[in-house]
Amino acid sequence: MQLEFRTAALRRQYEESAAAARAYGAQVARKYIQRINILKAARNKGDITAQRPLRCHALKGERKGQHAILLHDRWRLIVTFTRDTVEVVRIEEVTQHYGD
């Protein structure tokens, strides 16, 4: 599957683990890169939702049309699938669910 990144910073954090570690901490950075590699290897949305540890789920309200994938603790990766076949997935952001 193809990846798109909403920002250059998100792409850099995927390509350079040190940039991700500075932004989110080592543990979240490691999961961020790992999750994107899983998305990259997926053939379709079912491949992702079938992996229960990812806790991939559709979001509601203002984020309708986006999905969340668990990174670590309350950290999650927000993505948008541009097609049901998951030919392209857009990495939207990394955020803490419910914030602090």
Protein backbone atom coordinates (compact mmCIF):
# COMPACT_ATOMS: atom_id res chain seq x y z
CA MET A 1 0.00 0.00 0.00
CA GLN A 2 1.12 3.56 -0.61
CA LEU A 3 1.69 6.06 2.18
CA GLU A 4 1.01 9.78 2.24
CA PHE A 5 2.01 12.04 5.11
CA ARG A 6 0.03 15.16 5.99
CA THR A 7 3.21 17.01 6.95
CA ALA A 8 6.91 16.80 6.15
CA ALA A 9 7.57 16.42 9.89
CA LEU A 10 5.51 13.21 10.05
CA ARG A 11 7.45 11.80 7.09
CA ARG A 12 10.78 12.78 8.67
CA GLN A 13 9.76 11.16 11.98
CA TYR A 14 9.07 7.93 10.09
CA GLU A 15 12.31 8.05 8.14
CA GLU A 16 14.52 9.21 11.05
CA SER A 17 13.87 7.48 14.34
CA ALA A 18 15.79 10.17 16.24
CA ALA A 19 13.32 12.81 15.03
CA ALA A 20 10.41 10.67 16.22
CA ALA A 21 12.08 10.05 19.58
CA ARG A 22 12.58 13.80 20.08
CA ALA A 23 8.92 14.45 19.26
CA TYR A 24 7.21 11.62 21.17
CA GLY A 25 9.76 9.79 23.31
CA ALA A 26 11.58 6.56 22.49
CA GLN A 27 8.75 4.11 23.19
CA VAL A 28 6.09 5.96 21.17
CA ALA A 29 8.59 6.62 18.36
CA ARG A 30 9.39 2.92 18.07
CA LYS A 31 5.68 2.05 17.86
CA TYR A 32 5.05 4.86 15.35
CA ILE A 33 7.61 3.45 12.93
CA GLN A 34 6.45 -0.11 13.53
CA ARG A 35 2.78 0.76 12.89
CA ILE A 36 3.57 2.61 9.68
CA ASN A 37 5.56 -0.41 8.46
CA ILE A 38 2.49 -2.56 9.16
CA LEU A 39 0.30 -0.14 7.18
CA LYS A 40 2.80 -0.16 4.33
CA ALA A 41 2.72 -3.97 4.16
CA ALA A 42 -1.09 -4.25 4.30
CA ARG A 43 -3.05 -5.12 1.19
CA ASN A 44 -6.43 -3.86 2.39
CA LYS A 45 -8.29 -2.41 5.35
CA GLY A 46 -9.19 -5.91 6.54
CA ASP A 47 -5.50 -6.73 7.01
CA ILE A 48 -5.26 -3.87 9.49
CA THR A 49 -8.53 -4.34 11.37
CA ALA A 50 -7.82 -8.07 11.72
CA GLN A 51 -4.75 -7.32 13.82
CA ARG A 52 -6.44 -6.85 17.18
CA PRO A 53 -3.37 -5.43 19.00
CA LEU A 54 -3.53 -2.39 16.68
CA ARG A 55 -7.01 -1.52 17.99
CA CYS A 56 -7.83 0.14 14.67
CA HIS A 57 -11.22 1.81 14.87
CA ALA A 58 -13.24 4.45 13.06
CA LEU A 59 -13.52 7.84 14.72
CA LYS A 60 -16.68 9.91 15.18
CA GLY A 61 -17.66 13.56 15.25
CA GLU A 62 -15.15 16.01 13.77
CA ARG A 63 -12.86 13.10 12.91
CA LYS A 64 -15.47 11.10 10.99
CA GLY A 65 -13.75 9.34 8.08
CA GLN A 66 -10.51 8.91 10.03
CA HIS A 67 -9.26 5.89 11.99
CA ALA A 68 -7.15 5.60 15.13
CA ILE A 69 -4.44 2.98 15.67
CA LEU A 70 -2.97 2.36 19.11
CA LEU A 71 0.67 3.32 19.57
CA HIS A 72 1.32 3.18 23.31
CA ASP A 73 -0.79 3.92 26.38
CA ARG A 74 -2.93 6.91 25.32
CA TRP A 75 -0.88 7.73 22.22
CA ARG A 76 -2.54 6.97 18.90
CA LEU A 77 -1.86 7.32 15.21
CA ILE A 78 -4.62 9.00 13.20
CA VAL A 79 -4.94 7.85 9.57
CA THR A 80 -7.32 8.26 6.66
CA PHE A 81 -7.93 5.45 4.20
CA THR A 82 -8.54 7.06 0.83
CA ARG A 83 -10.16 3.92 -0.57
CA ASP A 84 -11.81 0.87 0.99
CA THR A 85 -9.13 -1.27 -0.61
CA VAL A 86 -6.52 0.70 1.35
CA GLU A 87 -4.45 1.39 -1.72
CA VAL A 88 -3.43 4.70 -0.14
CA VAL A 89 -3.33 5.59 3.55
CA ARG A 90 -2.68 9.13 4.74
CA ILE A 91 -0.85 9.60 8.04
CA GLU A 92 -2.67 12.52 9.67
CA GLU A 93 -1.08 12.94 13.10
CA VAL A 94 0.16 11.40 16.32
CA THR A 95 -1.79 12.50 19.35
CA GLN A 96 -2.53 11.67 22.96
CA HIS A 97 -6.11 10.53 23.34
CA TYR A 98 -7.89 12.82 25.82
CA GLY A 99 -4.70 14.89 26.23
CA ASP A 100 -3.24 15.84 29.59
